[in-house]
C-alpha atoms as a PDB file:
ATOM      1  CA  MET A   1      -0.084  -0.033   0.017  1.00  0.00           C
ATOM      2  CA  SER A   2       1.392   3.340  -1.105  1.00  0.00           C
ATOM      3  CA  ALA A   3       1.508   6.261   1.572  1.00  0.00           C
ATOM      4  CA  GLY A   4      -1.365   7.935  -0.339  1.00  0.00           C
ATOM      5  CA  ASP A   5      -3.618   4.772  -0.117  1.00  0.00           C
ATOM      6  CA  ALA A   6      -2.679   4.525   3.675  1.00  0.00           C
ATOM      7  CA  ASN A   7      -3.598   8.164   3.883  1.00  0.00           C
ATOM      8  CA  SER A   8      -6.945   7.789   2.157  1.00  0.00           C
ATOM      9  CA  GLN A   9      -7.560   4.789   4.104  1.00  0.00           C
ATOM     10  CA  ARG A  10      -6.878   6.841   7.473  1.00  0.00           C
ATOM     11  CA  GLY A  11      -9.310   9.393   5.915  1.00  0.00           C
ATOM     12  CA  ALA A  12     -12.206   7.116   5.362  1.00  0.00           C
ATOM     13  CA  GLU A  13     -11.991   5.445   8.809  1.00  0.00           C
ATOM     14  CA  ALA A  14     -11.648   8.283  10.500  1.00  0.00           C
ATOM     15  CA  ALA A  15     -15.030   9.916   8.747  1.00  0.00           C
ATOM     16  CA  ILE A  16     -17.324   6.626   9.910  1.00  0.00           C
ATOM     17  CA  SER A  17     -18.703   6.494  13.117  1.00  0.00           C
ATOM     18  CA  ILE A  18     -20.503   3.198  14.880  1.00  0.00           C
ATOM     19  CA  ARG A  19     -23.521   3.283  16.793  1.00  0.00           C
ATOM     20  CA  ALA A  20     -26.359   0.704  17.789  1.00  0.00           C
ATOM     21  CA  ALA A  21     -28.848   0.329  15.125  1.00  0.00           C
ATOM     22  CA  ASN A  22     -32.514   1.452  15.615  1.00  0.00           C
ATOM     23  CA  LEU A  23     -35.645   0.780  13.923  1.00  0.00           C
ATOM     24  CA  ASN A  24     -35.354   4.000  11.843  1.00  0.00           C
ATOM     25  CA  ASP A  25     -32.415   2.101  10.167  1.00  0.00           C
ATOM     26  CA  LEU A  26     -34.589  -0.803   9.253  1.00  0.00           C
ATOM     27  CA  PRO A  27     -34.550   0.464   5.558  1.00  0.00           C
ATOM     28  CA  ALA A  28     -30.921   1.434   4.849  1.00  0.00           C
ATOM     29  CA  ILE A  29     -29.945  -1.822   6.316  1.00  0.00           C
ATOM     30  CA  LEU A  30     -32.476  -3.762   3.560  1.00  0.00           C
ATOM     31  CA  ALA A  31     -30.719  -1.501   1.086  1.00  0.00           C
ATOM     32  CA  LEU A  32     -27.568  -2.019   1.515  1.00  0.00           C
ATOM     33  CA  GLU A  33     -27.979  -5.894   2.540  1.00  0.00           C
ATOM     34  CA  LYS A  34     -29.238  -6.023  -1.328  1.00  0.00           C
ATOM     35  CA  THR A  35     -26.363  -5.106  -2.845  1.00  0.00           C
ATOM     36  CA  ALA A  36     -23.930  -7.689  -0.578  1.00  0.00           C
ATOM     37  CA  PRO A  37     -25.015 -11.223  -2.210  1.00  0.00           C
ATOM     38  CA  GLY A  38     -22.299 -12.645   0.173  1.00  0.00           C
ATOM     39  CA  ALA A  39     -24.850 -11.513   3.087  1.00  0.00           C
ATOM     40  CA  ALA A  40     -27.310 -13.509   5.000  1.00  0.00           C
ATOM     41  CA  HIS A  41     -30.571 -12.407   3.731  1.00  0.00           C
ATOM     42  CA  TRP A  42     -32.984 -11.840   5.736  1.00  0.00           C
ATOM     43  CA  SER A  43     -36.323 -10.657   6.153  1.00  0.00           C
ATOM     44  CA  ALA A  44     -37.648  -6.791   7.338  1.00  0.00           C
ATOM     45  CA  SER A  45     -39.058  -8.420  10.301  1.00  0.00           C
ATOM     46  CA  HIS A  46     -35.998 -10.654  11.042  1.00  0.00           C
ATOM     47  CA  TYR A  47     -33.501  -7.326  11.204  1.00  0.00           C
ATOM     48  CA  LYS A  48     -35.948  -5.737  13.164  1.00  0.00           C
ATOM     49  CA  SER A  49     -36.272  -8.428  15.746  1.00  0.00           C
ATOM     50  CA  ARG A  50     -32.587  -8.189  15.799  1.00  0.00           C
ATOM     51  CA  VAL A  51     -32.771  -4.632  16.468  1.00  0.00           C
ATOM     52  CA  GLU A  52     -35.550  -4.918  19.066  1.00  0.00           C
ATOM     53  CA  SER A  53     -33.916  -7.423  21.126  1.00  0.00           C
ATOM     54  CA  GLN A  54     -30.724  -5.434  21.783  1.00  0.00           C
ATOM     55  CA  PRO A  55     -28.867  -5.216  24.113  1.00  0.00           C
ATOM     56  CA  ASN A  56     -29.530  -8.314  25.758  1.00  0.00           C
ATOM     57  CA  ALA A  57     -30.169 -10.893  23.349  1.00  0.00           C
ATOM     58  CA  ALA A  58     -28.293  -9.017  19.962  1.00  0.00           C
ATOM     59  CA  CYS A  59     -25.660  -6.437  19.017  1.00  0.00           C
ATOM     60  CA  PHE A  60     -26.459  -4.569  16.045  1.00  0.00           C
ATOM     61  CA  GLN A  61     -24.137  -1.532  14.963  1.00  0.00           C
ATOM     62  CA  VAL A  62     -24.364   0.282  12.224  1.00  0.00           C
ATOM     63  CA  ALA A  63     -21.440   2.455  10.521  1.00  0.00           C
ATOM     64  CA  GLU A  64     -22.434   5.447   8.716  1.00  0.00           C
ATOM     65  CA  ARG A  65     -20.309   8.723   7.553  1.00  0.00           C
ATOM     66  CA  VAL A  66     -21.528  12.120   6.023  1.00  0.00           C
ATOM     67  CA  GLY A  67     -22.483  11.821   2.461  1.00  0.00           C
ATOM     68  CA  GLY A  68     -23.371  13.882  -0.694  1.00  0.00           C
ATOM     69  CA  GLU A  69     -25.106  17.129   0.650  1.00  0.00           C
ATOM     70  CA  GLY A  70     -24.042  16.422   4.214  1.00  0.00           C
ATOM     71  CA  ALA A  71     -26.979  13.775   4.625  1.00  0.00           C
ATOM     72  CA  ILE A  72     -25.713  10.670   6.641  1.00  0.00           C
ATOM     73  CA  GLN A  73     -25.585   7.359   5.565  1.00  0.00           C
ATOM     74  CA  ILE A  74     -25.640   3.944   6.695  1.00  0.00           C
ATOM     75  CA  CYS A  75     -22.097   2.703   5.027  1.00  0.00           C
ATOM     76  CA  GLY A  76     -22.114  -0.791   7.036  1.00  0.00           C
ATOM     77  CA  PHE A  77     -23.199  -3.156   9.431  1.00  0.00           C
ATOM     78  CA  LEU A  78     -22.807  -5.665  12.187  1.00  0.00           C
ATOM     79  CA  CYS A  79     -25.643  -8.129  13.626  1.00  0.00           C
ATOM     80  CA  ALA A  80     -24.555 -10.821  16.410  1.00  0.00           C
ATOM     81  CA  ARG A  81     -27.162 -12.555  18.652  1.00  0.00           C
ATOM     82  CA  ILE A  82     -26.229 -13.019  22.023  1.00  0.00           C
ATOM     83  CA  VAL A  83     -27.590 -17.136  23.751  1.00  0.00           C
ATOM     84  CA  ALA A  84     -26.149 -17.801  27.414  1.00  0.00           C
ATOM     85  CA  GLY A  85     -23.015 -15.759  27.066  1.00  0.00           C
ATOM     86  CA  GLU A  86     -21.937 -16.610  23.479  1.00  0.00           C
ATOM     87  CA  TRP A  87     -22.392 -14.339  20.913  1.00  0.00           C
ATOM     88  CA  GLU A  88     -22.461 -15.318  17.103  1.00  0.00           C
ATOM     89  CA  ILE A  89     -22.007 -12.686  14.526  1.00  0.00           C
ATOM     90  CA  GLU A  90     -24.616 -13.587  11.728  1.00  0.00           C
ATOM     91  CA  ASN A  91     -24.344 -11.079   9.313  1.00  0.00           C
ATOM     92  CA  VAL A  92     -21.707  -8.059   8.340  1.00  0.00           C
ATOM     93  CA  VAL A  93     -22.322  -6.128   5.502  1.00  0.00           C
ATOM     94  CA  VAL A  94     -20.212  -2.671   3.976  1.00  0.00           C
ATOM     95  CA  ALA A  95     -21.100  -0.788   0.788  1.00  0.00           C
ATOM     96  CA  GLN A  96     -18.964  -2.179  -2.272  1.00  0.00           C
ATOM     97  CA  LYS A  97     -17.298   1.579  -2.377  1.00  0.00           C
ATOM     98  CA  LEU A  98     -15.588   1.632   0.678  1.00  0.00           C
ATOM     99  CA  ARG A  99     -14.714  -2.190   1.285  1.00  0.00           C
ATOM    100  CA  ARG A 100     -11.059  -2.464   2.414  1.00  0.00           C
ATOM    101  CA  HIS A 101     -11.272   1.183   4.094  1.00  0.00           C
ATOM    102  CA  GLY A 102     -11.693   0.114   7.692  1.00  0.00           C
ATOM    103  CA  VAL A 103     -15.408   0.313   7.712  1.00  0.00           C
ATOM    104  CA  GLY A 104     -15.411  -3.647   8.595  1.00  0.00           C
ATOM    105  CA  ALA A 105     -12.686  -3.200  10.886  1.00  0.00           C
ATOM    106  CA  GLN A 106     -13.972  -0.550  12.836  1.00  0.00           C
ATOM    107  CA  LEU A 107     -17.479  -2.393  13.057  1.00  0.00           C
ATOM    108  CA  MET A 108     -15.351  -5.496  14.608  1.00  0.00           C
ATOM    109  CA  ARG A 109     -13.645  -3.358  16.942  1.00  0.00           C
ATOM    110  CA  SER A 110     -16.757  -2.024  18.216  1.00  0.00           C
ATOM    111  CA  LEU A 111     -18.497  -5.053  18.680  1.00  0.00           C
ATOM    112  CA  ILE A 112     -15.164  -6.603  20.580  1.00  0.00           C
ATOM    113  CA  GLU A 113     -15.181  -3.644  22.857  1.00  0.00           C
ATOM    114  CA  ARG A 114     -18.813  -4.359  23.795  1.00  0.00           C
ATOM    115  CA  TRP A 115     -18.000  -8.261  23.721  1.00  0.00           C
ATOM    116  CA  GLU A 116     -15.554  -7.504  26.238  1.00  0.00           C
ATOM    117  CA  ASP A 117     -17.373  -5.182  28.150  1.00  0.00           C
ATOM    118  CA  SER A 118     -19.897  -8.134  28.203  1.00  0.00           C
ATOM    119  CA  ALA A 119     -19.829 -11.623  30.506  1.00  0.00           C
ATOM    120  CA  GLY A 120     -19.798 -13.037  26.982  1.00  0.00           C
ATOM    121  CA  THR A 121     -17.942 -15.859  27.172  1.00  0.00           C
ATOM    122  CA  ALA A 122     -16.739 -16.746  22.910  1.00  0.00           C
ATOM    123  CA  LEU A 123     -17.343 -15.012  20.129  1.00  0.00           C
ATOM    124  CA  MET A 124     -17.851 -17.052  16.775  1.00  0.00           C
ATOM    125  CA  LEU A 125     -18.957 -16.692  13.206  1.00  0.00           C
ATOM    126  CA  GLU A 126     -18.756 -18.901  10.013  1.00  0.00           C
ATOM    127  CA  ALA A 127     -17.531 -17.649   7.121  1.00  0.00           C
ATOM    128  CA  ARG A 128     -17.585 -19.017   3.429  1.00  0.00           C
ATOM    129  CA  GLU A 129     -14.186 -20.515   2.765  1.00  0.00           C
ATOM    130  CA  SER A 130     -14.005 -18.356  -0.777  1.00  0.00           C
ATOM    131  CA  ASN A 131     -14.098 -15.385   1.419  1.00  0.00           C
ATOM    132  CA  ALA A 132     -10.683 -14.163   1.810  1.00  0.00           C
ATOM    133  CA  ALA A 133     -11.254 -10.880   2.663  1.00  0.00           C
ATOM    134  CA  ALA A 134     -13.791 -11.588   5.551  1.00  0.00           C
ATOM    135  CA  ARG A 135     -11.531 -14.136   7.110  1.00  0.00           C
ATOM    136  CA  ALA A 136      -8.552 -12.093   6.868  1.00  0.00           C
ATOM    137  CA  LEU A 137     -10.338  -9.658   8.800  1.00  0.00           C
ATOM    138  CA  TYR A 138     -11.549 -11.862  11.171  1.00  0.00           C
ATOM    139  CA  GLU A 139      -8.124 -13.440  11.820  1.00  0.00           C
ATOM    140  CA  GLN A 140      -6.535  -9.642  12.308  1.00  0.00           C
ATOM    141  CA  HIS A 141      -9.223  -9.434  15.155  1.00  0.00           C
ATOM    142  CA  GLY A 142      -7.742 -12.283  16.995  1.00  0.00           C
ATOM    143  CA  MET A 143     -10.381 -14.961  16.006  1.00  0.00           C
ATOM    144  CA  ARG A 144      -9.063 -18.463  15.433  1.00  0.00           C
ATOM    145  CA  GLU A 145     -10.238 -21.049  12.796  1.00  0.00           C
ATOM    146  CA  VAL A 146     -11.398 -24.089  14.698  1.00  0.00           C
ATOM    147  CA  GLY A 147     -13.486 -26.337  12.273  1.00  0.00           C
ATOM    148  CA  ARG A 148     -15.396 -26.229   9.372  1.00  0.00           C
ATOM    149  CA  ARG A 149     -18.922 -27.421   8.161  1.00  0.00           C
ATOM    150  CA  ARG A 150     -19.201 -29.506   4.464  1.00  0.00           C
ATOM    151  CA  ASP A 151     -21.524 -28.092   1.824  1.00  0.00           C
ATOM    152  CA  TYR A 152     -23.049 -25.505   4.738  1.00  0.00           C
ATOM    153  CA  TYR A 153     -23.346 -22.652   1.789  1.00  0.00           C
ATOM    154  CA  ARG A 154     -26.284 -22.907  -1.079  1.00  0.00           C
ATOM    155  CA  ALA A 155     -25.887 -20.957  -4.335  1.00  0.00           C
ATOM    156  CA  PRO A 156     -22.703 -21.846  -4.452  1.00  0.00           C
ATOM    157  CA  VAL A 157     -21.836 -25.026  -2.698  1.00  0.00           C
ATOM    158  CA  GLU A 158     -19.103 -24.176  -0.177  1.00  0.00           C
ATOM    159  CA  ASP A 159     -18.029 -24.770   3.169  1.00  0.00           C
ATOM    160  CA  ALA A 160     -18.264 -23.184   5.992  1.00  0.00           C
ATOM    161  CA  ILE A 161     -14.748 -21.856   7.833  1.00  0.00           C
ATOM    162  CA  LEU A 162     -15.800 -21.720  11.775  1.00  0.00           C
ATOM    163  CA  TYR A 163     -14.083 -19.120  13.477  1.00  0.00           C
ATOM    164  CA  ILE A 164     -13.954 -18.455  17.452  1.00  0.00           C
ATOM    165  CA  LEU A 165     -12.501 -15.826  19.889  1.00  0.00           C
ATOM    166  CA  ARG A 166     -12.301 -16.542  23.731  1.00  0.00           C
ATOM    167  CA  ARG A 167     -11.834 -14.654  26.712  1.00  0.00           C
ATOM    168  CA  ALA A 168      -8.989 -14.486  27.818  1.00  0.00           C
ATOM    169  CA  GLU A 169      -8.143 -16.462  31.253  1.00  0.00           C
END
């Protein structure tokens, strides 16, 4: 990466803020999800349920930035469910034009901070084997590959790689 690329990446990252999702975000979340073929595609009611179950049963964060004409735009989101102290990342989406500009990393750091502040024991997820960018992001944030689910994904059929981050003992 050149110095100019590094500066533009830092500039993009600095212009992003992370906050908890709310019900008013649902139209933007649904629109963004539709632009990401590899994302989990949920119904509006599924997203609504996750937003409403915060903070005890879910952590749903959005990344936003100031867009054209000063309007705030959602440019990414991350959703994790919380069950019996275990956090499972279910969906991560970043706007195509902002991928590899630190948005996913900011979402992951924010989620990990919230997880560390909770009584959570493990942070888990699965990723498509072919999704090298996502897998690298998770590994950069301390997640370890712990298994595989054969033929887990459809269209196309593909293995899921399982990742986990455990609380330091």
